[in-house]
Amino acid sequence: MTATDHSKARKRGPRKRTGWTALVFGFCFVLAVLYGIGFAIFLVQLPTPRLGTAAKADGIVALTGEGGRLGPAVTLLESHNGRRLLITGVNMHNTKHDLKLLLHGGDAFDCCADLGFAALDTRGNAAEAARWARGNGYGSLIVVTANYHMPRSLLEFGAQMPDVKLVPYPVAADMLKTLSWENAKRLNGEYIKYLASLARIRVATALAHA
């Protein structure tokens, strides 16, 4: 190889590396843009919190967590908007009596509220609610959770109960009432979890029909 060939080889190396770097950077940039657009759509499409007791279904399911989710669910039960209420994801240290006092439950809470202690996450909530709905023969459920948590909840519940009609009852989340970096991180984290659930459910569905 001549000196000229060595010189050409040295010149081609950096150019190739620069080309791959630009390609990777461009790919990451496109992903970031798509992610940002998806996140914006996710935020815009968050359901508006509901008020009143217009929702009707066979049963009511409330997912534990922040945002005052349980009070509205108990109100729906006491207003006879569903036959029974399941509170899913309850801490093992909480009793039905404790929750009744905390949520100001009445006679309907005594007879028709069930506590689920098995669920540790939203997917577990859906599995627990599916067992409860099948056991009671319910064909429709009011799902009560924070509005930012509703998209993922409906996704997981729909995967577990494709034949059950789900009536969303989104509750206003206290954290969304103010603009802050912490709230933005929480919403972004919820969006990532939503994407993960969506991907897992679609892959599982595709494999089941393969």
N, C-alpha and C. Protein backbone atom coordinates (compact mmCIF):
# COMPACT_ATOMS: atom_id res chain seq x y z
N MET A 1 0.86 -1.19 0.00
CA MET A 1 0.00 0.00 0.00
C MET A 1 0.89 1.24 0.00
N THR A 2 0.58 2.15 -0.86
CA THR A 2 1.40 3.36 -0.97
C THR A 2 1.03 4.35 0.10
N ALA A 3 1.86 5.37 0.22
CA ALA A 3 1.60 6.43 1.19
C ALA A 3 0.28 7.12 0.88
N THR A 4 -0.04 7.18 -0.42
CA THR A 4 -1.30 7.82 -0.82
C THR A 4 -2.51 7.01 -0.34
N ASP A 5 -2.38 5.66 -0.44
CA ASP A 5 -3.47 4.79 0.03
C ASP A 5 -3.69 4.93 1.53
N HIS A 6 -2.58 4.98 2.31
CA HIS A 6 -2.68 5.17 3.75
C HIS A 6 -3.39 6.48 4.07
N SER A 7 -3.06 7.48 3.34
CA SER A 7 -3.67 8.79 3.57
C SER A 7 -5.16 8.75 3.30
N LYS A 8 -5.59 8.05 2.22
CA LYS A 8 -7.01 7.95 1.90
C LYS A 8 -7.77 7.16 2.97
N ALA A 9 -7.12 6.08 3.48
CA ALA A 9 -7.77 5.26 4.50
C ALA A 9 -7.99 6.07 5.77
N ARG A 10 -6.98 6.87 6.16
CA ARG A 10 -7.13 7.69 7.36
C ARG A 10 -8.24 8.71 7.20
N LYS A 11 -8.40 9.21 5.99
CA LYS A 11 -9.44 10.20 5.75
C LYS A 11 -10.84 9.58 5.76
N ARG A 12 -10.95 8.33 5.25
CA ARG A 12 -12.26 7.69 5.20
C ARG A 12 -12.75 7.30 6.60
N GLY A 13 -11.88 6.94 7.53
CA GLY A 13 -12.27 6.49 8.86
C GLY A 13 -13.09 7.51 9.62
N PRO A 14 -12.59 8.71 9.84
CA PRO A 14 -13.35 9.71 10.57
C PRO A 14 -14.67 10.05 9.90
N ARG A 15 -14.69 10.04 8.55
CA ARG A 15 -15.93 10.36 7.87
C ARG A 15 -17.01 9.32 8.16
N LYS A 16 -16.61 8.03 8.19
CA LYS A 16 -17.57 6.98 8.49
C LYS A 16 -18.09 7.11 9.92
N ARG A 17 -17.14 7.37 10.85
CA ARG A 17 -17.57 7.52 12.24
C ARG A 17 -18.50 8.71 12.38
N THR A 18 -18.18 9.79 11.71
CA THR A 18 -19.04 10.97 11.77
C THR A 18 -20.40 10.69 11.19
N GLY A 19 -20.45 9.88 10.11
CA GLY A 19 -21.73 9.52 9.50
C GLY A 19 -22.60 8.71 10.44
N TRP A 20 -22.00 7.72 11.13
CA TRP A 20 -22.76 6.91 12.08
C TRP A 20 -23.23 7.75 13.26
N THR A 21 -22.40 8.65 13.73
CA THR A 21 -22.78 9.53 14.84
C THR A 21 -23.97 10.38 14.46
N ALA A 22 -23.93 10.94 13.25
CA ALA A 22 -25.04 11.76 12.79
C ALA A 22 -26.32 10.94 12.67
N LEU A 23 -26.18 9.68 12.20
CA LEU A 23 -27.34 8.81 12.05
C LEU A 23 -27.97 8.49 13.41
N VAL A 24 -27.12 8.15 14.38
CA VAL A 24 -27.61 7.84 15.73
C VAL A 24 -28.26 9.07 16.35
N PHE A 25 -27.60 10.22 16.20
CA PHE A 25 -28.15 11.46 16.74
C PHE A 25 -29.50 11.78 16.11
N GLY A 26 -29.59 11.60 14.80
CA GLY A 26 -30.85 11.86 14.11
C GLY A 26 -31.95 10.93 14.58
N PHE A 27 -31.60 9.64 14.77
CA PHE A 27 -32.58 8.66 15.24
C PHE A 27 -33.08 9.03 16.64
N CYS A 28 -32.16 9.40 17.52
CA CYS A 28 -32.53 9.78 18.89
C CYS A 28 -33.39 11.04 18.89
N PHE A 29 -33.05 11.96 18.00
CA PHE A 29 -33.83 13.21 17.90
C PHE A 29 -35.26 12.92 17.47
N VAL A 30 -35.41 12.04 16.47
CA VAL A 30 -36.76 11.69 16.00
C VAL A 30 -37.55 11.00 17.12
N LEU A 31 -36.89 10.09 17.84
CA LEU A 31 -37.57 9.42 18.96
C LEU A 31 -38.01 10.43 20.02
N ALA A 32 -37.13 11.39 20.32
CA ALA A 32 -37.46 12.39 21.33
C ALA A 32 -38.66 13.24 20.89
N VAL A 33 -38.68 13.60 19.62
CA VAL A 33 -39.80 14.39 19.09
C VAL A 33 -41.10 13.59 19.16
N LEU A 34 -41.05 12.32 18.73
CA LEU A 34 -42.23 11.48 18.77
C LEU A 34 -42.72 11.27 20.21
N TYR A 35 -41.75 11.09 21.12
CA TYR A 35 -42.11 10.92 22.53
C TYR A 35 -42.80 12.18 23.05
N GLY A 36 -42.23 13.34 22.71
CA GLY A 36 -42.81 14.60 23.16
C GLY A 36 -44.21 14.82 22.62
N ILE A 37 -44.42 14.48 21.34
CA ILE A 37 -45.76 14.61 20.75
C ILE A 37 -46.74 13.67 21.45
N GLY A 38 -46.29 12.44 21.67
CA GLY A 38 -47.15 11.47 22.34
C GLY A 38 -47.51 11.90 23.75
N PHE A 39 -46.54 12.45 24.46
CA PHE A 39 -46.77 12.91 25.83
C PHE A 39 -47.77 14.06 25.84
N ALA A 40 -47.63 14.98 24.88
CA ALA A 40 -48.55 16.11 24.78
C ALA A 40 -49.97 15.63 24.51
N ILE A 41 -50.11 14.66 23.60
CA ILE A 41 -51.43 14.10 23.30
C ILE A 41 -52.01 13.42 24.54
N PHE A 42 -51.16 12.69 25.26
CA PHE A 42 -51.58 12.02 26.49
C PHE A 42 -52.15 13.02 27.49
N LEU A 43 -51.46 14.16 27.67
CA LEU A 43 -51.91 15.18 28.61
C LEU A 43 -53.21 15.83 28.17
N VAL A 44 -53.29 16.14 26.88
CA VAL A 44 -54.50 16.80 26.36
C VAL A 44 -55.72 15.90 26.48
N GLN A 45 -55.52 14.60 26.33
CA GLN A 45 -56.63 13.67 26.34
C GLN A 45 -56.97 13.10 27.72
N LEU A 46 -56.30 13.60 28.77
CA LEU A 46 -56.67 13.14 30.11
C LEU A 46 -58.13 13.50 30.38
N PRO A 47 -58.90 12.57 30.92
CA PRO A 47 -60.33 12.84 31.11
C PRO A 47 -60.59 13.92 32.15
N THR A 48 -61.66 14.65 31.92
CA THR A 48 -62.08 15.68 32.87
C THR A 48 -62.70 15.01 34.10
N PRO A 49 -62.31 15.44 35.30
CA PRO A 49 -62.90 14.84 36.51
C PRO A 49 -64.42 14.95 36.50
N ARG A 50 -65.06 13.90 36.97
CA ARG A 50 -66.52 13.88 36.99
C ARG A 50 -67.05 14.32 38.35
N LEU A 51 -68.25 14.85 38.31
CA LEU A 51 -68.95 15.25 39.52
C LEU A 51 -70.35 14.64 39.48
N GLY A 52 -70.94 14.50 40.65
CA GLY A 52 -72.29 13.97 40.69
C GLY A 52 -72.32 12.46 40.66
N THR A 53 -73.51 11.91 40.51
CA THR A 53 -73.70 10.46 40.58
C THR A 53 -74.49 9.96 39.37
N ALA A 54 -74.16 10.48 38.20
CA ALA A 54 -74.88 10.08 37.00
C ALA A 54 -74.46 8.70 36.49
N ALA A 55 -73.25 8.27 36.83
CA ALA A 55 -72.75 6.98 36.32
C ALA A 55 -73.52 5.81 36.93
N LYS A 56 -73.83 4.83 36.10
CA LYS A 56 -74.55 3.63 36.55
C LYS A 56 -73.87 2.39 36.00
N ALA A 57 -73.79 1.34 36.82
CA ALA A 57 -73.23 0.06 36.38
C ALA A 57 -73.60 -1.01 37.39
N ASP A 58 -73.28 -2.26 37.05
CA ASP A 58 -73.57 -3.35 37.98
C ASP A 58 -72.76 -3.21 39.26
N GLY A 59 -71.46 -2.90 39.10
CA GLY A 59 -70.58 -2.78 40.25
C GLY A 59 -69.70 -1.56 40.15
N ILE A 60 -69.02 -1.26 41.25
CA ILE A 60 -68.12 -0.10 41.33
C ILE A 60 -66.77 -0.59 41.82
N VAL A 61 -65.70 -0.15 41.17
CA VAL A 61 -64.35 -0.50 41.60
C VAL A 61 -63.56 0.78 41.83
N ALA A 62 -62.99 0.91 43.00
CA ALA A 62 -62.16 2.07 43.33
C ALA A 62 -60.73 1.60 43.55
N LEU A 63 -59.78 2.27 42.90
CA LEU A 63 -58.36 1.94 43.05
C LEU A 63 -57.75 2.85 44.11
N THR A 64 -57.10 2.25 45.08
CA THR A 64 -56.49 3.05 46.14
C THR A 64 -55.34 3.88 45.59
N GLY A 65 -55.03 4.97 46.28
CA GLY A 65 -53.96 5.86 45.86
C GLY A 65 -54.31 7.29 46.22
N GLU A 66 -53.39 8.21 45.85
CA GLU A 66 -53.63 9.59 46.18
C GLU A 66 -54.72 10.18 45.30
N GLY A 67 -55.19 11.37 45.67
CA GLY A 67 -56.17 12.06 44.84
C GLY A 67 -57.61 11.93 45.32
N GLY A 68 -57.86 11.39 46.52
CA GLY A 68 -59.22 11.31 47.02
C GLY A 68 -60.12 10.44 46.18
N ARG A 69 -59.65 9.25 45.82
CA ARG A 69 -60.41 8.38 44.92
C ARG A 69 -61.55 7.64 45.62
N LEU A 70 -61.38 7.34 46.91
CA LEU A 70 -62.32 6.44 47.57
C LEU A 70 -63.62 7.13 47.97
N GLY A 71 -63.56 8.40 48.38
CA GLY A 71 -64.77 9.11 48.79
C GLY A 71 -65.85 9.12 47.71
N PRO A 72 -65.52 9.51 46.48
CA PRO A 72 -66.54 9.49 45.42
C PRO A 72 -67.10 8.10 45.16
N ALA A 73 -66.26 7.08 45.28
CA ALA A 73 -66.73 5.71 45.06
C ALA A 73 -67.75 5.31 46.11
N VAL A 74 -67.50 5.69 47.36
CA VAL A 74 -68.46 5.39 48.44
C VAL A 74 -69.76 6.16 48.21
N THR A 75 -69.67 7.39 47.75
CA THR A 75 -70.87 8.17 47.45
C THR A 75 -71.69 7.49 46.36
N LEU A 76 -71.02 6.98 45.33
CA LEU A 76 -71.72 6.26 44.27
C LEU A 76 -72.44 5.03 44.82
N LEU A 77 -71.78 4.30 45.72
CA LEU A 77 -72.39 3.12 46.33
C LEU A 77 -73.60 3.51 47.16
N GLU A 78 -73.44 4.52 48.01
CA GLU A 78 -74.53 4.94 48.89
C GLU A 78 -75.70 5.50 48.08
N SER A 79 -75.43 5.98 46.86
CA SER A 79 -76.49 6.50 45.98
C SER A 79 -77.07 5.40 45.09
N HIS A 80 -76.66 4.16 45.33
CA HIS A 80 -77.17 2.99 44.61
C HIS A 80 -76.86 3.05 43.11
N ASN A 81 -75.69 3.55 42.78
CA ASN A 81 -75.26 3.56 41.38
C ASN A 81 -74.63 2.24 40.96
N GLY A 82 -74.40 1.37 41.89
CA GLY A 82 -73.89 0.03 41.65
C GLY A 82 -74.32 -0.86 42.79
N ARG A 83 -74.36 -2.16 42.54
CA ARG A 83 -74.84 -3.09 43.58
C ARG A 83 -73.83 -3.27 44.70
N ARG A 84 -72.54 -3.34 44.30
CA ARG A 84 -71.49 -3.52 45.30
C ARG A 84 -70.29 -2.67 44.91
N LEU A 85 -69.43 -2.43 45.90
CA LEU A 85 -68.20 -1.67 45.68
C LEU A 85 -67.01 -2.53 46.06
N LEU A 86 -66.01 -2.57 45.19
CA LEU A 86 -64.73 -3.19 45.52
C LEU A 86 -63.68 -2.09 45.64
N ILE A 87 -63.01 -2.04 46.78
CA ILE A 87 -61.85 -1.16 46.94
C ILE A 87 -60.64 -2.05 46.81
N THR A 88 -59.91 -1.91 45.71
CA THR A 88 -58.81 -2.79 45.40
C THR A 88 -57.46 -2.15 45.73
N GLY A 89 -56.55 -2.99 46.24
CA GLY A 89 -55.22 -2.50 46.61
C GLY A 89 -55.16 -1.94 48.02
N VAL A 90 -56.01 -2.45 48.91
CA VAL A 90 -56.06 -1.95 50.29
C VAL A 90 -54.86 -2.45 51.08
N ASN A 91 -54.33 -1.58 51.91
CA ASN A 91 -53.23 -1.96 52.80
C ASN A 91 -53.71 -3.01 53.80
N MET A 92 -52.88 -4.01 54.05
CA MET A 92 -53.27 -5.11 54.93
C MET A 92 -53.61 -4.65 56.35
N HIS A 93 -53.10 -3.50 56.75
CA HIS A 93 -53.33 -3.02 58.11
C HIS A 93 -54.66 -2.27 58.25
N ASN A 94 -55.34 -2.01 57.14
CA ASN A 94 -56.62 -1.29 57.20
C ASN A 94 -57.77 -2.27 57.27
N THR A 95 -58.73 -1.97 58.12
CA THR A 95 -59.92 -2.80 58.25
C THR A 95 -61.11 -2.10 57.60
N LYS A 96 -62.16 -2.85 57.41
CA LYS A 96 -63.37 -2.27 56.82
C LYS A 96 -63.95 -1.20 57.74
N HIS A 97 -63.88 -1.44 59.03
CA HIS A 97 -64.38 -0.46 60.01
C HIS A 97 -63.58 0.84 59.92
N ASP A 98 -62.26 0.70 59.80
CA ASP A 98 -61.41 1.89 59.67
C ASP A 98 -61.80 2.72 58.45
N LEU A 99 -61.99 2.04 57.32
CA LEU A 99 -62.32 2.74 56.10
C LEU A 99 -63.72 3.35 56.16
N LYS A 100 -64.62 2.68 56.80
CA LYS A 100 -65.97 3.24 56.93
C LYS A 100 -65.94 4.56 57.70
N LEU A 101 -65.20 4.59 58.78
CA LEU A 101 -65.09 5.83 59.55
C LEU A 101 -64.40 6.92 58.74
N LEU A 102 -63.34 6.55 58.05
CA LEU A 102 -62.57 7.52 57.28
C LEU A 102 -63.38 8.09 56.12
N LEU A 103 -64.19 7.24 55.48
CA LEU A 103 -64.92 7.64 54.27
C LEU A 103 -66.37 8.00 54.55
N HIS A 104 -66.77 7.97 55.81
CA HIS A 104 -68.14 8.31 56.20
C HIS A 104 -69.16 7.42 55.50
N GLY A 105 -68.87 6.14 55.49
CA GLY A 105 -69.78 5.19 54.87
C GLY A 105 -71.04 4.98 55.68
N GLY A 106 -72.09 4.52 55.02
CA GLY A 106 -73.37 4.27 55.68
C GLY A 106 -73.76 2.81 55.63
N ASP A 107 -75.06 2.56 55.59
CA ASP A 107 -75.55 1.18 55.59
C ASP A 107 -75.10 0.41 54.36
N ALA A 108 -75.06 1.09 53.21
CA ALA A 108 -74.64 0.40 51.98
C ALA A 108 -73.19 -0.05 52.08
N PHE A 109 -72.36 0.73 52.76
CA PHE A 109 -70.96 0.33 52.94
C PHE A 109 -70.87 -0.93 53.78
N ASP A 110 -71.72 -1.02 54.81
CA ASP A 110 -71.70 -2.19 55.69
C ASP A 110 -72.03 -3.47 54.92
N CYS A 111 -73.03 -3.39 54.07
CA CYS A 111 -73.50 -4.62 53.42
C CYS A 111 -72.82 -4.92 52.09
N CYS A 112 -72.37 -3.86 51.42
CA CYS A 112 -72.04 -4.06 50.00
C CYS A 112 -70.67 -3.55 49.59
N ALA A 113 -69.77 -3.31 50.53
CA ALA A 113 -68.41 -2.89 50.19
C ALA A 113 -67.45 -4.05 50.47
N ASP A 114 -66.62 -4.37 49.50
CA ASP A 114 -65.63 -5.44 49.64
C ASP A 114 -64.23 -4.83 49.54
N LEU A 115 -63.30 -5.39 50.30
CA LEU A 115 -61.92 -4.92 50.28
C LEU A 115 -61.03 -5.95 49.62
N GLY A 116 -60.18 -5.49 48.72
CA GLY A 116 -59.22 -6.37 48.07
C GLY A 116 -57.81 -6.04 48.53
N PHE A 117 -57.10 -7.01 49.03
CA PHE A 117 -55.76 -6.79 49.61
C PHE A 117 -54.63 -7.34 48.74
N ALA A 118 -54.96 -8.00 47.64
CA ALA A 118 -53.93 -8.71 46.87
C ALA A 118 -53.16 -7.82 45.91
N ALA A 119 -53.79 -6.79 45.38
CA ALA A 119 -53.17 -5.99 44.32
C ALA A 119 -52.05 -5.09 44.84
N LEU A 120 -50.95 -5.07 44.08
CA LEU A 120 -49.81 -4.23 44.42
C LEU A 120 -49.58 -3.13 43.38
N ASP A 121 -50.23 -3.25 42.22
CA ASP A 121 -50.08 -2.26 41.16
C ASP A 121 -51.35 -2.25 40.32
N THR A 122 -51.36 -1.45 39.26
CA THR A 122 -52.57 -1.30 38.45
C THR A 122 -52.95 -2.62 37.77
N ARG A 123 -51.96 -3.34 37.29
CA ARG A 123 -52.24 -4.64 36.68
C ARG A 123 -52.86 -5.58 37.71
N GLY A 124 -52.38 -5.54 38.94
CA GLY A 124 -52.96 -6.34 40.01
C GLY A 124 -54.37 -5.89 40.34
N ASN A 125 -54.60 -4.57 40.31
CA ASN A 125 -55.95 -4.05 40.53
C ASN A 125 -56.93 -4.64 39.51
N ALA A 126 -56.48 -4.67 38.25
CA ALA A 126 -57.34 -5.19 37.17
C ALA A 126 -57.64 -6.67 37.37
N ALA A 127 -56.62 -7.43 37.74
CA ALA A 127 -56.82 -8.87 37.96
C ALA A 127 -57.76 -9.11 39.15
N GLU A 128 -57.57 -8.34 40.21
CA GLU A 128 -58.42 -8.48 41.40
C GLU A 128 -59.86 -8.10 41.07
N ALA A 129 -60.04 -7.02 40.31
CA ALA A 129 -61.39 -6.59 39.93
C ALA A 129 -62.05 -7.59 38.99
N ALA A 130 -61.26 -8.21 38.11
CA ALA A 130 -61.82 -9.20 37.18
C ALA A 130 -62.36 -10.41 37.94
N ARG A 131 -61.61 -10.87 38.93
CA ARG A 131 -62.08 -12.01 39.73
C ARG A 131 -63.37 -11.64 40.47
N TRP A 132 -63.40 -10.44 41.01
CA TRP A 132 -64.57 -9.96 41.75
C TRP A 132 -65.78 -9.83 40.84
N ALA A 133 -65.58 -9.27 39.66
CA ALA A 133 -66.68 -9.08 38.71
C ALA A 133 -67.24 -10.43 38.25
N ARG A 134 -66.34 -11.36 37.94
CA ARG A 134 -66.80 -12.69 37.52
C ARG A 134 -67.55 -13.40 38.64
N GLY A 135 -67.04 -13.25 39.86
CA GLY A 135 -67.68 -13.90 41.00
C GLY A 135 -69.08 -13.37 41.26
N ASN A 136 -69.32 -12.12 40.92
CA ASN A 136 -70.63 -11.51 41.14
C ASN A 136 -71.49 -11.50 39.88
N GLY A 137 -70.92 -11.97 38.77
CA GLY A 137 -71.68 -12.00 37.52
C GLY A 137 -71.97 -10.63 36.94
N TYR A 138 -71.05 -9.69 37.12
CA TYR A 138 -71.28 -8.33 36.64
C TYR A 138 -70.82 -8.15 35.19
N GLY A 139 -71.62 -7.42 34.43
CA GLY A 139 -71.29 -7.13 33.04
C GLY A 139 -70.85 -5.71 32.81
N SER A 140 -70.88 -4.88 33.86
CA SER A 140 -70.45 -3.49 33.74
C SER A 140 -69.89 -3.01 35.08
N LEU A 141 -68.88 -2.15 34.99
CA LEU A 141 -68.23 -1.63 36.19
C LEU A 141 -67.96 -0.14 36.04
N ILE A 142 -68.19 0.60 37.11
CA ILE A 142 -67.71 1.98 37.21
C ILE A 142 -66.30 1.92 37.77
N VAL A 143 -65.35 2.50 37.06
CA VAL A 143 -63.95 2.49 37.50
C VAL A 143 -63.61 3.87 38.05
N VAL A 144 -63.26 3.92 39.33
CA VAL A 144 -62.97 5.18 40.00
C VAL A 144 -61.48 5.27 40.32
N THR A 145 -60.82 6.25 39.74
CA THR A 145 -59.41 6.50 40.04
C THR A 145 -59.09 7.94 39.64
N ALA A 146 -57.86 8.38 39.91
CA ALA A 146 -57.45 9.73 39.54
C ALA A 146 -57.47 9.88 38.02
N ASN A 147 -57.79 11.08 37.54
CA ASN A 147 -57.94 11.27 36.09
C ASN A 147 -56.66 10.96 35.32
N TYR A 148 -55.48 11.30 35.88
CA TYR A 148 -54.23 11.02 35.17
C TYR A 148 -53.92 9.52 35.13
N HIS A 149 -54.53 8.77 36.03
CA HIS A 149 -54.31 7.33 36.13
C HIS A 149 -55.35 6.53 35.33
N MET A 150 -56.40 7.21 34.86
CA MET A 150 -57.51 6.53 34.21
C MET A 150 -57.12 5.84 32.90
N PRO A 151 -56.32 6.47 31.99
CA PRO A 151 -55.99 5.78 30.74
C PRO A 151 -55.34 4.41 30.95
N ARG A 152 -54.37 4.34 31.85
CA ARG A 152 -53.69 3.06 32.09
C ARG A 152 -54.63 2.07 32.79
N SER A 153 -55.47 2.58 33.68
CA SER A 153 -56.40 1.70 34.38
C SER A 153 -57.37 1.05 33.41
N LEU A 154 -57.93 1.85 32.49
CA LEU A 154 -58.86 1.30 31.50
C LEU A 154 -58.17 0.30 30.58
N LEU A 155 -56.91 0.58 30.27
CA LEU A 155 -56.13 -0.34 29.43
C LEU A 155 -55.97 -1.69 30.11
N GLU A 156 -55.57 -1.67 31.37
CA GLU A 156 -55.34 -2.92 32.12
C GLU A 156 -56.67 -3.63 32.41
N PHE A 157 -57.71 -2.88 32.76
CA PHE A 157 -59.00 -3.49 33.05
C PHE A 157 -59.59 -4.10 31.78
N GLY A 158 -59.44 -3.39 30.65
CA GLY A 158 -59.96 -3.92 29.40
C GLY A 158 -59.26 -5.20 28.98
N ALA A 159 -57.97 -5.30 29.26
CA ALA A 159 -57.23 -6.51 28.92
C ALA A 159 -57.69 -7.70 29.77
N GLN A 160 -58.02 -7.43 31.02
CA GLN A 160 -58.46 -8.50 31.93
C GLN A 160 -59.93 -8.85 31.74
N MET A 161 -60.73 -7.84 31.31
CA MET A 161 -62.18 -8.04 31.20
C MET A 161 -62.69 -7.49 29.87
N PRO A 162 -62.33 -8.11 28.75
CA PRO A 162 -62.73 -7.57 27.45
C PRO A 162 -64.24 -7.55 27.23
N ASP A 163 -64.97 -8.38 27.95
CA ASP A 163 -66.42 -8.46 27.75
C ASP A 163 -67.21 -7.62 28.76
N VAL A 164 -66.51 -6.93 29.63
CA VAL A 164 -67.18 -6.11 30.65
C VAL A 164 -67.17 -4.65 30.22
N LYS A 165 -68.31 -3.99 30.31
CA LYS A 165 -68.39 -2.57 29.99
C LYS A 165 -67.78 -1.75 31.13
N LEU A 166 -66.84 -0.89 30.79
CA LEU A 166 -66.16 -0.07 31.79
C LEU A 166 -66.65 1.37 31.69
N VAL A 167 -67.12 1.90 32.80
CA VAL A 167 -67.61 3.28 32.86
C VAL A 167 -66.62 4.10 33.67
N PRO A 168 -65.80 4.93 33.03
CA PRO A 168 -64.79 5.69 33.78
C PRO A 168 -65.41 6.78 34.65
N TYR A 169 -64.90 6.87 35.87
CA TYR A 169 -65.30 7.96 36.77
C TYR A 169 -64.01 8.60 37.30
N PRO A 170 -63.39 9.47 36.49
CA PRO A 170 -62.12 10.09 36.90
C PRO A 170 -62.31 11.11 38.01
N VAL A 171 -61.39 11.07 38.96
CA VAL A 171 -61.42 11.99 40.11
C VAL A 171 -60.27 12.97 39.96
N ALA A 172 -60.51 14.22 40.36
CA ALA A 172 -59.46 15.24 40.27
C ALA A 172 -58.31 14.88 41.20
N ALA A 173 -57.09 14.95 40.67
CA ALA A 173 -55.89 14.66 41.46
C ALA A 173 -55.35 15.97 42.04
N ASP A 174 -55.10 15.99 43.34
CA ASP A 174 -54.61 17.20 43.99
C ASP A 174 -53.31 17.69 43.37
N MET A 175 -52.47 16.75 42.93
CA MET A 175 -51.15 17.14 42.43
C MET A 175 -51.24 17.93 41.12
N LEU A 176 -52.34 17.77 40.37
CA LEU A 176 -52.45 18.44 39.09
C LEU A 176 -52.98 19.87 39.21
N LYS A 177 -53.30 20.29 40.43
CA LYS A 177 -53.87 21.61 40.61
C LYS A 177 -52.80 22.70 40.57
N THR A 178 -51.54 22.33 40.65
CA THR A 178 -50.45 23.30 40.61
C THR A 178 -49.40 22.85 39.59
N LEU A 179 -48.73 23.81 38.98
CA LEU A 179 -47.67 23.52 38.04
C LEU A 179 -46.34 23.45 38.79
N SER A 180 -45.67 22.32 38.68
CA SER A 180 -44.39 22.17 39.35
C SER A 180 -43.59 21.09 38.64
N TRP A 181 -42.29 21.09 38.91
CA TRP A 181 -41.41 20.09 38.32
C TRP A 181 -41.77 18.70 38.82
N GLU A 182 -42.15 18.59 40.09
CA GLU A 182 -42.52 17.29 40.65
C GLU A 182 -43.76 16.73 39.97
N ASN A 183 -44.74 17.59 39.71
CA ASN A 183 -45.95 17.14 39.03
C ASN A 183 -45.65 16.69 37.60
N ALA A 184 -44.76 17.44 36.94
CA ALA A 184 -44.38 17.07 35.57
C ALA A 184 -43.70 15.71 35.56
N LYS A 185 -42.83 15.46 36.53
CA LYS A 185 -42.17 14.16 36.62
C LYS A 185 -43.17 13.04 36.88
N ARG A 186 -44.15 13.31 37.73
CA ARG A 186 -45.16 12.30 38.02
C ARG A 186 -45.97 11.95 36.78
N LEU A 187 -46.37 12.98 36.03
CA LEU A 187 -47.14 12.74 34.81
C LEU A 187 -46.30 12.01 33.76
N ASN A 188 -45.03 12.39 33.66
CA ASN A 188 -44.15 11.71 32.71
C ASN A 188 -43.97 10.25 33.10
N GLY A 189 -43.83 10.00 34.39
CA GLY A 189 -43.72 8.62 34.86
C GLY A 189 -44.97 7.81 34.55
N GLU A 190 -46.13 8.45 34.69
CA GLU A 190 -47.38 7.76 34.38
C GLU A 190 -47.47 7.47 32.89
N TYR A 191 -46.99 8.40 32.07
CA TYR A 191 -47.01 8.19 30.62
C TYR A 191 -46.10 7.02 30.23
N ILE A 192 -44.94 6.92 30.86
CA ILE A 192 -44.03 5.81 30.58
C ILE A 192 -44.69 4.48 30.97
N LYS A 193 -45.36 4.46 32.12
CA LYS A 193 -46.05 3.24 32.55
C LYS A 193 -47.19 2.89 31.58
N TYR A 194 -47.86 3.91 31.09
CA TYR A 194 -48.94 3.68 30.12
C TYR A 194 -48.39 3.04 28.85
N LEU A 195 -47.26 3.57 28.35
CA LEU A 195 -46.64 3.01 27.15
C LEU A 195 -46.20 1.57 27.39
N ALA A 196 -45.65 1.31 28.58
CA ALA A 196 -45.20 -0.05 28.90
C ALA A 196 -46.39 -1.01 28.93
N SER A 197 -47.49 -0.59 29.53
CA SER A 197 -48.69 -1.43 29.58
C SER A 197 -49.24 -1.67 28.18
N LEU A 198 -49.26 -0.61 27.37
CA LEU A 198 -49.77 -0.72 26.01
C LEU A 198 -48.94 -1.70 25.19
N ALA A 199 -47.61 -1.59 25.31
CA ALA A 199 -46.73 -2.49 24.56
C ALA A 199 -46.91 -3.94 25.02
N ARG A 200 -46.94 -4.15 26.33
CA ARG A 200 -47.08 -5.51 26.86
C ARG A 200 -48.40 -6.15 26.43
N ILE A 201 -49.48 -5.39 26.51
CA ILE A 201 -50.80 -5.93 26.18
C ILE A 201 -50.90 -6.23 24.69
N ARG A 202 -50.34 -5.36 23.86
CA ARG A 202 -50.41 -5.60 22.41
C ARG A 202 -49.56 -6.80 22.00
N VAL A 203 -48.40 -6.95 22.62
CA VAL A 203 -47.57 -8.11 22.31
C VAL A 203 -48.26 -9.39 22.75
N ALA A 204 -48.85 -9.38 23.95
CA ALA A 204 -49.56 -10.54 24.45
C ALA A 204 -50.75 -10.89 23.55
N THR A 205 -51.45 -9.87 23.09
CA THR A 205 -52.60 -10.11 22.20
C THR A 205 -52.15 -10.69 20.87
N ALA A 206 -51.05 -10.15 20.32
CA ALA A 206 -50.53 -10.65 19.05
C ALA A 206 -50.07 -12.10 19.17
N LEU A 207 -49.42 -12.43 20.27
CA LEU A 207 -48.96 -13.81 20.48
C LEU A 207 -50.14 -14.76 20.66
N ALA A 208 -51.18 -14.27 21.31
CA ALA A 208 -52.36 -15.12 21.53
C ALA A 208 -53.08 -15.44 20.24
N HIS A 209 -52.98 -14.52 19.26
CA HIS A 209 -53.67 -14.74 17.99
C HIS A 209 -52.73 -15.25 16.89
N ALA A 210 -51.48 -15.53 17.27
CA ALA A 210 -50.51 -16.00 16.27
C ALA A 210 -50.78 -17.45 15.87
